[in-house]
Every structure is written in structure tokens, then in C-alpha cells.
C-alpha atoms as a PDB file:
ATOM      1  CA  MET A   1      53.561   6.670  23.344  1.00  0.00           C
ATOM      2  CA  LEU A   2      51.545   8.067  25.965  1.00  0.00           C
ATOM      3  CA  ASP A   3      51.064   5.000  28.028  1.00  0.00           C
ATOM      4  CA  ALA A   4      54.938   4.701  28.437  1.00  0.00           C
ATOM      5  CA  ALA A   5      55.276   8.396  29.407  1.00  0.00           C
ATOM      6  CA  THR A   6      52.461   8.215  32.091  1.00  0.00           C
ATOM      7  CA  PRO A   7      51.473   5.362  34.090  1.00  0.00           C
ATOM      8  CA  GLY A   8      47.502   5.368  34.860  1.00  0.00           C
ATOM      9  CA  LEU A   9      46.803   7.246  31.694  1.00  0.00           C
ATOM     10  CA  SER A  10      43.846   5.065  30.707  1.00  0.00           C
ATOM     11  CA  ARG A  11      42.070   6.379  33.628  1.00  0.00           C
ATOM     12  CA  THR A  12      42.216  10.065  32.398  1.00  0.00           C
ATOM     13  CA  THR A  13      39.828  12.199  30.249  1.00  0.00           C
ATOM     14  CA  GLY A  14      40.741  12.522  26.463  1.00  0.00           C
ATOM     15  CA  ARG A  15      41.342  16.239  26.947  1.00  0.00           C
ATOM     16  CA  ALA A  16      43.994  15.326  29.478  1.00  0.00           C
ATOM     17  CA  LYS A  17      45.529  12.997  26.906  1.00  0.00           C
ATOM     18  CA  LEU A  18      45.501  15.623  24.307  1.00  0.00           C
ATOM     19  CA  LEU A  19      47.268  18.025  26.744  1.00  0.00           C
ATOM     20  CA  LEU A  20      49.842  15.418  27.324  1.00  0.00           C
ATOM     21  CA  LEU A  21      50.235  14.495  23.807  1.00  0.00           C
ATOM     22  CA  ARG A  22      51.927  18.090  23.400  1.00  0.00           C
ATOM     23  CA  SER A  23      54.821  17.292  25.685  1.00  0.00           C
ATOM     24  CA  VAL A  24      55.643  14.101  24.352  1.00  0.00           C
ATOM     25  CA  ALA A  25      55.154  14.215  20.565  1.00  0.00           C
ATOM     26  CA  PRO A  26      55.965  17.131  17.777  1.00  0.00           C
ATOM     27  CA  ALA A  27      53.895  20.019  18.057  1.00  0.00           C
ATOM     28  CA  GLU A  28      52.381  19.386  14.765  1.00  0.00           C
ATOM     29  CA  THR A  29      51.200  15.982  15.759  1.00  0.00           C
ATOM     30  CA  GLY A  30      49.464  17.359  18.748  1.00  0.00           C
ATOM     31  CA  ARG A  31      47.900  20.049  16.905  1.00  0.00           C
ATOM     32  CA  ARG A  32      46.578  17.335  14.054  1.00  0.00           C
ATOM     33  CA  ALA A  33      45.359  15.405  16.865  1.00  0.00           C
ATOM     34  CA  LYS A  34      43.355  18.281  18.398  1.00  0.00           C
ATOM     35  CA  ALA A  35      41.725  19.454  15.232  1.00  0.00           C
ATOM     36  CA  LEU A  36      40.932  15.965  14.270  1.00  0.00           C
ATOM     37  CA  TRP A  37      39.307  15.465  17.628  1.00  0.00           C
ATOM     38  CA  SER A  38      37.165  18.585  17.485  1.00  0.00           C
ATOM     39  CA  GLN A  39      36.196  17.795  13.864  1.00  0.00           C
ATOM     40  CA  LEU A  40      35.102  14.161  14.988  1.00  0.00           C
ATOM     41  CA  SER A  41      33.261  15.588  17.906  1.00  0.00           C
ATOM     42  CA  LEU A  42      31.334  18.179  16.041  1.00  0.00           C
ATOM     43  CA  GLY A  43      30.398  15.539  13.594  1.00  0.00           C
ATOM     44  CA  CYS A  44      29.062  13.200  16.226  1.00  0.00           C
ATOM     45  CA  HIS A  45      27.244  15.688  18.144  1.00  0.00           C
ATOM     46  CA  TYR A  46      25.257  17.813  15.234  1.00  0.00           C
ATOM     47  CA  HIS A  47      21.458  18.728  15.836  1.00  0.00           C
ATOM     48  CA  LEU A  48      18.714  17.345  14.052  1.00  0.00           C
ATOM     49  CA  TYR A  49      18.163  20.606  12.444  1.00  0.00           C
ATOM     50  CA  GLU A  50      21.941  20.697  11.055  1.00  0.00           C
ATOM     51  CA  LEU A  51      23.241  18.452   8.501  1.00  0.00           C
ATOM     52  CA  GLY A  52      25.627  15.915   9.398  1.00  0.00           C
ATOM     53  CA  PRO A  53      28.878  15.128   8.008  1.00  0.00           C
ATOM     54  CA  THR A  54      29.420  14.187   4.371  1.00  0.00           C
ATOM     55  CA  TYR A  55      31.055  10.818   3.259  1.00  0.00           C
ATOM     56  CA  ASP A  56      33.889  12.697   1.986  1.00  0.00           C
ATOM     57  CA  GLN A  57      34.538  14.389   5.412  1.00  0.00           C
ATOM     58  CA  VAL A  58      34.296  10.887   7.541  1.00  0.00           C
ATOM     59  CA  ARG A  59      36.775   9.580   4.573  1.00  0.00           C
ATOM     60  CA  VAL A  60      39.413  12.336   5.484  1.00  0.00           C
ATOM     61  CA  TRP A  61      38.827  12.221   9.127  1.00  0.00           C
ATOM     62  CA  ARG A  62      39.306   8.176   8.990  1.00  0.00           C
ATOM     63  CA  ALA A  63      42.563   8.756   6.874  1.00  0.00           C
ATOM     64  CA  GLU A  64      44.064  11.386   9.388  1.00  0.00           C
ATOM     65  CA  ALA A  65      43.067   9.120  12.129  1.00  0.00           C
ATOM     66  CA  GLY A  66      44.965   6.270  10.669  1.00  0.00           C
ATOM     67  CA  GLY A  67      47.894   8.480   9.933  1.00  0.00           C
ATOM     68  CA  LEU A  68      48.001   9.574  13.373  1.00  0.00           C
ATOM     69  CA  VAL A  69      47.797   5.970  14.947  1.00  0.00           C
ATOM     70  CA  ARG A  70      50.711   5.121  12.554  1.00  0.00           C
ATOM     71  CA  GLU A  71      52.925   8.151  13.420  1.00  0.00           C
ATOM     72  CA  LEU A  72      52.104   8.005  17.215  1.00  0.00           C
ATOM     73  CA  GLY A  73      52.761   4.059  17.064  1.00  0.00           C
ATOM     74  CA  ASN A  74      56.302   4.420  16.260  1.00  0.00           C
END
């Protein structure tokens, strides 16, 4: 969806892609994508003194990512 909207998109940052998503997809989809990106980022960058994400959190994130991929693929 984004590739068709903007040539050369593969050379941009993830943040720029999330901002662009707001203009080419429904607002709710953009919000979900940004929220998921934030959760994944926090889950992947935790410190040694913090608990990492639980199995259930990762399972929910994976399901949400799959749903967004399907939704944006249409």
C-alpha cells in the first residue's frame, strides 16, 4: 500500500513510514500500527534489570502484526 503511494519509500525510516501510513490508510489502522511499533520497540529494548516481554505479550503482538499485514495488503 505504501510503496504504491510513495516511490522510493524503501529508503525512508520506519518513523516516516508510520507518518505516511496515516495519510493512506484509515486512522484506526495508523493508530494500531504506531501502538504496535511502540510496544515492539519497548519489548526489544528492555534493560537487564527489567523483565522482558512475556510469552502472552509476544503472542498478542504477533497476532496484531498479522492482522495489520492482512489489512494493509488489501
